[in-house]
Amino acid sequence: MDLRQIEKRLEEILTKATGWLPAHELEHMLELAQANEPGIALEDFCSQLYEHDVAIPHATVDELRSLASAMGMTVPAWVERGGYA
């Protein structure tokens, strides 16, 4: 998966996350993803989901795990356990 594919998939997740997190936080993460910083956006997204105690669908957990792996990142422990869903 190339960088553009990663960015696009992350943008889709962030767009679907409307209502999960404050709009200004999601907007900032989208800006990061669109500015070639999907790793930072993903880390921020996972952190904010944890901080706000958001239950996420298992499909989203799988997608986050896949994106993190594609970027060579360590998946946050709560995502690895399956998030909150």
PDB file of N, CA and C in Angstrom:
ATOM      1  N   MET A   1       0.848  -1.170   0.000  1.00  0.00           N
ATOM      2  CA  MET A   1       0.000   0.000   0.000  1.00  0.00           C
ATOM      3  C   MET A   1       0.899   1.240   0.000  1.00  0.00           C
ATOM      4  N   ASP A   2       0.647   2.148  -0.928  1.00  0.00           N
ATOM      5  CA  ASP A   2       1.482   3.349  -0.989  1.00  0.00           C
ATOM      6  C   ASP A   2       0.904   4.458  -0.103  1.00  0.00           C
ATOM      7  N   LEU A   3       1.673   5.526   0.038  1.00  0.00           N
ATOM      8  CA  LEU A   3       1.301   6.620   0.932  1.00  0.00           C
ATOM      9  C   LEU A   3      -0.061   7.206   0.581  1.00  0.00           C
ATOM     10  N   ARG A   4      -0.318   7.396  -0.691  1.00  0.00           N
ATOM     11  CA  ARG A   4      -1.609   7.993  -1.100  1.00  0.00           C
ATOM     12  C   ARG A   4      -2.775   7.089  -0.711  1.00  0.00           C
ATOM     13  N   GLN A   5      -2.613   5.790  -0.855  1.00  0.00           N
ATOM     14  CA  GLN A   5      -3.671   4.851  -0.462  1.00  0.00           C
ATOM     15  C   GLN A   5      -3.901   4.900   1.051  1.00  0.00           C
ATOM     16  N   ILE A   6      -2.820   4.974   1.801  1.00  0.00           N
ATOM     17  CA  ILE A   6      -2.920   5.064   3.259  1.00  0.00           C
ATOM     18  C   ILE A   6      -3.663   6.340   3.645  1.00  0.00           C
ATOM     19  N   GLU A   7      -3.266   7.456   3.053  1.00  0.00           N
ATOM     20  CA  GLU A   7      -3.921   8.734   3.352  1.00  0.00           C
ATOM     21  C   GLU A   7      -5.409   8.667   3.035  1.00  0.00           C
ATOM     22  N   LYS A   8      -5.756   8.116   1.874  1.00  0.00           N
ATOM     23  CA  LYS A   8      -7.158   8.042   1.448  1.00  0.00           C
ATOM     24  C   LYS A   8      -7.968   7.176   2.407  1.00  0.00           C
ATOM     25  N   ARG A   9      -7.435   6.022   2.778  1.00  0.00           N
ATOM     26  CA  ARG A   9      -8.150   5.133   3.706  1.00  0.00           C
ATOM     27  C   ARG A   9      -8.330   5.800   5.071  1.00  0.00           C
ATOM     28  N   LEU A  10      -7.308   6.494   5.536  1.00  0.00           N
ATOM     29  CA  LEU A  10      -7.415   7.186   6.817  1.00  0.00           C
ATOM     30  C   LEU A  10      -8.427   8.322   6.737  1.00  0.00           C
ATOM     31  N   GLU A  11      -8.425   9.057   5.647  1.00  0.00           N
ATOM     32  CA  GLU A  11      -9.409  10.130   5.456  1.00  0.00           C
ATOM     33  C   GLU A  11     -10.824   9.573   5.508  1.00  0.00           C
ATOM     34  N   GLU A  12     -11.040   8.404   4.914  1.00  0.00           N
ATOM     35  CA  GLU A  12     -12.362   7.777   4.928  1.00  0.00           C
ATOM     36  C   GLU A  12     -12.773   7.417   6.357  1.00  0.00           C
ATOM     37  N   ILE A  13     -11.848   6.867   7.123  1.00  0.00           N
ATOM     38  CA  ILE A  13     -12.149   6.516   8.515  1.00  0.00           C
ATOM     39  C   ILE A  13     -12.486   7.773   9.315  1.00  0.00           C
ATOM     40  N   LEU A  14     -11.675   8.795   9.155  1.00  0.00           N
ATOM     41  CA  LEU A  14     -11.902  10.030   9.900  1.00  0.00           C
ATOM     42  C   LEU A  14     -13.238  10.677   9.530  1.00  0.00           C
ATOM     43  N   THR A  15     -13.600  10.608   8.274  1.00  0.00           N
ATOM     44  CA  THR A  15     -14.872  11.164   7.827  1.00  0.00           C
ATOM     45  C   THR A  15     -16.035  10.387   8.429  1.00  0.00           C
ATOM     46  N   LYS A  16     -15.909   9.070   8.491  1.00  0.00           N
ATOM     47  CA  LYS A  16     -16.963   8.240   9.086  1.00  0.00           C
ATOM     48  C   LYS A  16     -17.042   8.416  10.599  1.00  0.00           C
ATOM     49  N   ALA A  17     -16.001   8.951  11.201  1.00  0.00           N
ATOM     50  CA  ALA A  17     -15.942   9.106  12.654  1.00  0.00           C
ATOM     51  C   ALA A  17     -16.650  10.361  13.148  1.00  0.00           C
ATOM     52  N   THR A  18     -17.335  11.059  12.271  1.00  0.00           N
ATOM     53  CA  THR A  18     -18.080  12.253  12.672  1.00  0.00           C
ATOM     54  C   THR A  18     -19.030  11.881  13.809  1.00  0.00           C
ATOM     55  N   GLY A  19     -18.954  12.631  14.880  1.00  0.00           N
ATOM     56  CA  GLY A  19     -19.782  12.368  16.044  1.00  0.00           C
ATOM     57  C   GLY A  19     -19.072  11.559  17.126  1.00  0.00           C
ATOM     58  N   TRP A  20     -17.978  10.890  16.762  1.00  0.00           N
ATOM     59  CA  TRP A  20     -17.218  10.122  17.746  1.00  0.00           C
ATOM     60  C   TRP A  20     -16.338  11.037  18.586  1.00  0.00           C
ATOM     61  N   LEU A  21     -15.793  12.047  17.931  1.00  0.00           N
ATOM     62  CA  LEU A  21     -14.861  12.981  18.562  1.00  0.00           C
ATOM     63  C   LEU A  21     -15.294  14.398  18.207  1.00  0.00           C
ATOM     64  N   PRO A  22     -14.818  15.390  18.958  1.00  0.00           N
ATOM     65  CA  PRO A  22     -15.144  16.772  18.601  1.00  0.00           C
ATOM     66  C   PRO A  22     -14.717  17.091  17.161  1.00  0.00           C
ATOM     67  N   ALA A  23     -15.546  17.845  16.476  1.00  0.00           N
ATOM     68  CA  ALA A  23     -15.322  18.162  15.064  1.00  0.00           C
ATOM     69  C   ALA A  23     -13.960  18.806  14.826  1.00  0.00           C
ATOM     70  N   HIS A  24     -13.528  19.701  15.714  1.00  0.00           N
ATOM     71  CA  HIS A  24     -12.246  20.380  15.499  1.00  0.00           C
ATOM     72  C   HIS A  24     -11.078  19.393  15.588  1.00  0.00           C
ATOM     73  N   GLU A  25     -11.197  18.357  16.406  1.00  0.00           N
ATOM     74  CA  GLU A  25     -10.137  17.352  16.491  1.00  0.00           C
ATOM     75  C   GLU A  25     -10.086  16.521  15.205  1.00  0.00           C
ATOM     76  N   LEU A  26     -11.245  16.102  14.717  1.00  0.00           N
ATOM     77  CA  LEU A  26     -11.283  15.335  13.471  1.00  0.00           C
ATOM     78  C   LEU A  26     -10.765  16.164  12.304  1.00  0.00           C
ATOM     79  N   GLU A  27     -11.112  17.448  12.285  1.00  0.00           N
ATOM     80  CA  GLU A  27     -10.640  18.340  11.221  1.00  0.00           C
ATOM     81  C   GLU A  27      -9.111  18.432  11.233  1.00  0.00           C
ATOM     82  N   HIS A  28      -8.557  18.551  12.419  1.00  0.00           N
ATOM     83  CA  HIS A  28      -7.095  18.619  12.538  1.00  0.00           C
ATOM     84  C   HIS A  28      -6.450  17.319  12.043  1.00  0.00           C
ATOM     85  N   MET A  29      -7.020  16.184  12.394  1.00  0.00           N
ATOM     86  CA  MET A  29      -6.472  14.896  11.951  1.00  0.00           C
ATOM     87  C   MET A  29      -6.587  14.749  10.437  1.00  0.00           C
ATOM     88  N   LEU A  30      -7.692  15.210   9.865  1.00  0.00           N
ATOM     89  CA  LEU A  30      -7.835  15.177   8.405  1.00  0.00           C
ATOM     90  C   LEU A  30      -6.770  16.037   7.741  1.00  0.00           C
ATOM     91  N   GLU A  31      -6.516  17.203   8.310  1.00  0.00           N
ATOM     92  CA  GLU A  31      -5.477  18.084   7.764  1.00  0.00           C
ATOM     93  C   GLU A  31      -4.116  17.400   7.806  1.00  0.00           C
ATOM     94  N   LEU A  32      -3.825  16.715   8.892  1.00  0.00           N
ATOM     95  CA  LEU A  32      -2.556  15.983   8.992  1.00  0.00           C
ATOM     96  C   LEU A  32      -2.471  14.898   7.933  1.00  0.00           C
ATOM     97  N   ALA A  33      -3.549  14.127   7.789  1.00  0.00           N
ATOM     98  CA  ALA A  33      -3.553  13.045   6.793  1.00  0.00           C
ATOM     99  C   ALA A  33      -3.355  13.600   5.383  1.00  0.00           C
ATOM    100  N   GLN A  34      -3.957  14.734   5.098  1.00  0.00           N
ATOM    101  CA  GLN A  34      -3.859  15.340   3.776  1.00  0.00           C
ATOM    102  C   GLN A  34      -2.532  16.048   3.549  1.00  0.00           C
ATOM    103  N   ALA A  35      -1.771  16.270   4.622  1.00  0.00           N
ATOM    104  CA  ALA A  35      -0.475  16.948   4.532  1.00  0.00           C
ATOM    105  C   ALA A  35       0.677  15.944   4.610  1.00  0.00           C
ATOM    106  N   ASN A  36       0.413  14.721   4.161  1.00  0.00           N
ATOM    107  CA  ASN A  36       1.438  13.666   4.136  1.00  0.00           C
ATOM    108  C   ASN A  36       1.930  13.286   5.532  1.00  0.00           C
ATOM    109  N   GLU A  37       1.062  13.388   6.521  1.00  0.00           N
ATOM    110  CA  GLU A  37       1.397  13.000   7.898  1.00  0.00           C
ATOM    111  C   GLU A  37       0.375  11.994   8.443  1.00  0.00           C
ATOM    112  N   PRO A  38       0.101  10.905   7.687  1.00  0.00           N
ATOM    113  CA  PRO A  38      -0.920   9.972   8.153  1.00  0.00           C
ATOM    114  C   PRO A  38      -0.537   9.253   9.444  1.00  0.00           C
ATOM    115  N   GLY A  39       0.733   9.058   9.684  1.00  0.00           N
ATOM    116  CA  GLY A  39       1.165   8.397  10.920  1.00  0.00           C
ATOM    117  C   GLY A  39       0.807   9.216  12.141  1.00  0.00           C
ATOM    118  N   ILE A  40       1.050  10.511  12.061  1.00  0.00           N
ATOM    119  CA  ILE A  40       0.714  11.403  13.173  1.00  0.00           C
ATOM    120  C   ILE A  40      -0.808  11.460  13.337  1.00  0.00           C
ATOM    121  N   ALA A  41      -1.519  11.540  12.220  1.00  0.00           N
ATOM    122  CA  ALA A  41      -2.984  11.572  12.279  1.00  0.00           C
ATOM    123  C   ALA A  41      -3.529  10.296  12.913  1.00  0.00           C
ATOM    124  N   LEU A  42      -2.969   9.152  12.551  1.00  0.00           N
ATOM    125  CA  LEU A  42      -3.434   7.882  13.101  1.00  0.00           C
ATOM    126  C   LEU A  42      -3.147   7.788  14.598  1.00  0.00           C
ATOM    127  N   GLU A  43      -1.949   8.185  14.995  1.00  0.00           N
ATOM    128  CA  GLU A  43      -1.614   8.174  16.426  1.00  0.00           C
ATOM    129  C   GLU A  43      -2.552   9.090  17.205  1.00  0.00           C
ATOM    130  N   ASP A  44      -2.798  10.269  16.671  1.00  0.00           N
ATOM    131  CA  ASP A  44      -3.680  11.224  17.328  1.00  0.00           C
ATOM    132  C   ASP A  44      -5.099  10.674  17.418  1.00  0.00           C
ATOM    133  N   PHE A  45      -5.573  10.076  16.345  1.00  0.00           N
ATOM    134  CA  PHE A  45      -6.918   9.504  16.314  1.00  0.00           C
ATOM    135  C   PHE A  45      -7.067   8.419  17.377  1.00  0.00           C
ATOM    136  N   CYS A  46      -6.123   7.499  17.425  1.00  0.00           N
ATOM    137  CA  CYS A  46      -6.180   6.424  18.418  1.00  0.00           C
ATOM    138  C   CYS A  46      -6.128   6.980  19.836  1.00  0.00           C
ATOM    139  N   SER A  47      -5.263   7.953  20.049  1.00  0.00           N
ATOM    140  CA  SER A  47      -5.159   8.565  21.376  1.00  0.00           C
ATOM    141  C   SER A  47      -6.461   9.235  21.787  1.00  0.00           C
ATOM    142  N   GLN A  48      -7.068   9.948  20.858  1.00  0.00           N
ATOM    143  CA  GLN A  48      -8.308  10.655  21.186  1.00  0.00           C
ATOM    144  C   GLN A  48      -9.472   9.689  21.387  1.00  0.00           C
ATOM    145  N   LEU A  49      -9.516   8.613  20.623  1.00  0.00           N
ATOM    146  CA  LEU A  49     -10.548   7.603  20.855  1.00  0.00           C
ATOM    147  C   LEU A  49     -10.427   7.048  22.268  1.00  0.00           C
ATOM    148  N   TYR A  50      -9.197   6.806  22.683  1.00  0.00           N
ATOM    149  CA  TYR A  50      -8.944   6.288  24.031  1.00  0.00           C
ATOM    150  C   TYR A  50      -9.330   7.330  25.089  1.00  0.00           C
ATOM    151  N   GLU A  51      -8.873   8.563  24.885  1.00  0.00           N
ATOM    152  CA  GLU A  51      -9.145   9.631  25.852  1.00  0.00           C
ATOM    153  C   GLU A  51     -10.640   9.895  26.021  1.00  0.00           C
ATOM    154  N   HIS A  52     -11.389   9.803  24.915  1.00  0.00           N
ATOM    155  CA  HIS A  52     -12.825  10.073  24.956  1.00  0.00           C
ATOM    156  C   HIS A  52     -13.641   8.804  25.214  1.00  0.00           C
ATOM    157  N   ASP A  53     -12.952   7.677  25.402  1.00  0.00           N
ATOM    158  CA  ASP A  53     -13.597   6.400  25.707  1.00  0.00           C
ATOM    159  C   ASP A  53     -14.663   6.054  24.670  1.00  0.00           C
ATOM    160  N   VAL A  54     -14.266   6.120  23.402  1.00  0.00           N
ATOM    161  CA  VAL A  54     -15.187   5.895  22.293  1.00  0.00           C
ATOM    162  C   VAL A  54     -15.213   4.410  21.930  1.00  0.00           C
ATOM    163  N   ALA A  55     -16.404   3.855  21.839  1.00  0.00           N
ATOM    164  CA  ALA A  55     -16.577   2.486  21.351  1.00  0.00           C
ATOM    165  C   ALA A  55     -16.565   2.540  19.827  1.00  0.00           C
ATOM    166  N   ILE A  56     -15.722   1.720  19.227  1.00  0.00           N
ATOM    167  CA  ILE A  56     -15.623   1.737  17.768  1.00  0.00           C
ATOM    168  C   ILE A  56     -15.952   0.356  17.218  1.00  0.00           C
ATOM    169  N   PRO A  57     -16.496   0.300  15.997  1.00  0.00           N
ATOM    170  CA  PRO A  57     -16.831  -0.980  15.380  1.00  0.00           C
ATOM    171  C   PRO A  57     -15.573  -1.830  15.135  1.00  0.00           C
ATOM    172  N   HIS A  58     -15.758  -3.134  15.175  1.00  0.00           N
ATOM    173  CA  HIS A  58     -14.628  -4.042  14.941  1.00  0.00           C
ATOM    174  C   HIS A  58     -14.009  -3.829  13.558  1.00  0.00           C
ATOM    175  N   ALA A  59     -14.831  -3.482  12.569  1.00  0.00           N
ATOM    176  CA  ALA A  59     -14.296  -3.224  11.226  1.00  0.00           C
ATOM    177  C   ALA A  59     -13.328  -2.049  11.249  1.00  0.00           C
ATOM    178  N   THR A  60     -13.617  -1.042  12.064  1.00  0.00           N
ATOM    179  CA  THR A  60     -12.725   0.106  12.181  1.00  0.00           C
ATOM    180  C   THR A  60     -11.442  -0.285  12.889  1.00  0.00           C
ATOM    181  N   VAL A  61     -11.558  -1.118  13.907  1.00  0.00           N
ATOM    182  CA  VAL A  61     -10.364  -1.620  14.596  1.00  0.00           C
ATOM    183  C   VAL A  61      -9.466  -2.341  13.598  1.00  0.00           C
ATOM    184  N   ASP A  62     -10.056  -3.195  12.779  1.00  0.00           N
ATOM    185  CA  ASP A  62      -9.275  -3.934  11.773  1.00  0.00           C
ATOM    186  C   ASP A  62      -8.604  -2.983  10.793  1.00  0.00           C
ATOM    187  N   GLU A  63      -9.320  -1.961  10.381  1.00  0.00           N
ATOM    188  CA  GLU A  63      -8.761  -0.983   9.438  1.00  0.00           C
ATOM    189  C   GLU A  63      -7.607  -0.208  10.073  1.00  0.00           C
ATOM    190  N   LEU A  64      -7.772   0.206  11.330  1.00  0.00           N
ATOM    191  CA  LEU A  64      -6.691   0.916  12.020  1.00  0.00           C
ATOM    192  C   LEU A  64      -5.463   0.024  12.145  1.00  0.00           C
ATOM    193  N   ARG A  65      -5.685  -1.226  12.470  1.00  0.00           N
ATOM    194  CA  ARG A  65      -4.586  -2.181  12.591  1.00  0.00           C
ATOM    195  C   ARG A  65      -3.861  -2.339  11.238  1.00  0.00           C
ATOM    196  N   SER A  66      -4.633  -2.429  10.176  1.00  0.00           N
ATOM    197  CA  SER A  66      -4.069  -2.574   8.836  1.00  0.00           C
ATOM    198  C   SER A  66      -3.257  -1.340   8.433  1.00  0.00           C
ATOM    199  N   LEU A  67      -3.796  -0.154   8.697  1.00  0.00           N
ATOM    200  CA  LEU A  67      -3.081   1.074   8.352  1.00  0.00           C
ATOM    201  C   LEU A  67      -1.794   1.210   9.155  1.00  0.00           C
ATOM    202  N   ALA A  68      -1.869   0.921  10.440  1.00  0.00           N
ATOM    203  CA  ALA A  68      -0.665   1.001  11.275  1.00  0.00           C
ATOM    204  C   ALA A  68       0.395   0.038  10.759  1.00  0.00           C
ATOM    205  N   SER A  69       0.002  -1.152  10.428  1.00  0.00           N
ATOM    206  CA  SER A  69       0.941  -2.138   9.909  1.00  0.00           C
ATOM    207  C   SER A  69       1.564  -1.668   8.597  1.00  0.00           C
ATOM    208  N   ALA A  70       0.754  -1.099   7.720  1.00  0.00           N
ATOM    209  CA  ALA A  70       1.251  -0.619   6.418  1.00  0.00           C
ATOM    210  C   ALA A  70       2.280   0.489   6.581  1.00  0.00           C
ATOM    211  N   MET A  71       2.183   1.232   7.696  1.00  0.00           N
ATOM    212  CA  MET A  71       3.127   2.323   7.943  1.00  0.00           C
ATOM    213  C   MET A  71       4.277   1.891   8.841  1.00  0.00           C
ATOM    214  N   GLY A  72       4.300   0.610   9.219  1.00  0.00           N
ATOM    215  CA  GLY A  72       5.378   0.122  10.076  1.00  0.00           C
ATOM    216  C   GLY A  72       5.285   0.643  11.494  1.00  0.00           C
ATOM    217  N   MET A  73       4.062   0.926  11.922  1.00  0.00           N
ATOM    218  CA  MET A  73       3.848   1.487  13.250  1.00  0.00           C
ATOM    219  C   MET A  73       3.437   0.391  14.228  1.00  0.00           C
ATOM    220  N   THR A  74       3.653   0.664  15.493  1.00  0.00           N
ATOM    221  CA  THR A  74       3.163  -0.202  16.543  1.00  0.00           C
ATOM    222  C   THR A  74       1.714   0.166  16.807  1.00  0.00           C
ATOM    223  N   VAL A  75       0.866  -0.822  16.809  1.00  0.00           N
ATOM    224  CA  VAL A  75      -0.545  -0.584  17.056  1.00  0.00           C
ATOM    225  C   VAL A  75      -0.752  -0.372  18.553  1.00  0.00           C
ATOM    226  N   PRO A  76      -1.509   0.667  18.944  1.00  0.00           N
ATOM    227  CA  PRO A  76      -1.770   0.865  20.377  1.00  0.00           C
ATOM    228  C   PRO A  76      -2.371  -0.392  21.000  1.00  0.00           C
ATOM    229  N   ALA A  77      -2.028  -0.648  22.237  1.00  0.00           N
ATOM    230  CA  ALA A  77      -2.441  -1.886  22.907  1.00  0.00           C
ATOM    231  C   ALA A  77      -3.949  -2.070  22.907  1.00  0.00           C
ATOM    232  N   TRP A  78      -4.712  -0.992  23.134  1.00  0.00           N
ATOM    233  CA  TRP A  78      -6.159  -1.164  23.183  1.00  0.00           C
ATOM    234  C   TRP A  78      -6.718  -1.525  21.812  1.00  0.00           C
ATOM    235  N   VAL A  79      -6.088  -1.051  20.729  1.00  0.00           N
ATOM    236  CA  VAL A  79      -6.534  -1.428  19.379  1.00  0.00           C
ATOM    237  C   VAL A  79      -6.206  -2.900  19.159  1.00  0.00           C
ATOM    238  N   GLU A  80      -5.022  -3.314  19.570  1.00  0.00           N
ATOM    239  CA  GLU A  80      -4.619  -4.707  19.392  1.00  0.00           C
ATOM    240  C   GLU A  80      -5.562  -5.655  20.128  1.00  0.00           C
ATOM    241  N   ARG A  81      -6.124  -5.222  21.236  1.00  0.00           N
ATOM    242  CA  ARG A  81      -7.078  -6.045  21.996  1.00  0.00           C
ATOM    243  C   ARG A  81      -8.477  -5.970  21.397  1.00  0.00           C
ATOM    244  N   GLY A  82      -8.670  -5.118  20.412  1.00  0.00           N
ATOM    245  CA  GLY A  82      -9.974  -5.031  19.775  1.00  0.00           C
ATOM    246  C   GLY A  82     -10.757  -3.783  20.119  1.00  0.00           C
ATOM    247  N   GLY A  83     -10.083  -2.783  20.683  1.00  0.00           N
ATOM    248  CA  GLY A  83     -10.754  -1.520  20.979  1.00  0.00           C
ATOM    249  C   GLY A  83     -11.800  -1.690  22.060  1.00  0.00           C
ATOM    250  N   TYR A  84     -12.850  -0.948  21.959  1.00  0.00           N
ATOM    251  CA  TYR A  84     -13.905  -0.964  22.968  1.00  0.00           C
ATOM    252  C   TYR A  84     -15.183  -1.604  22.479  1.00  0.00           C
ATOM    253  N   ALA A  85     -15.239  -1.929  21.196  1.00  0.00           N
ATOM    254  CA  ALA A  85     -16.490  -2.465  20.638  1.00  0.00           C
ATOM    255  C   ALA A  85     -16.719  -3.905  21.052  1.00  0.00           C
TER     256      ALA A  85
END
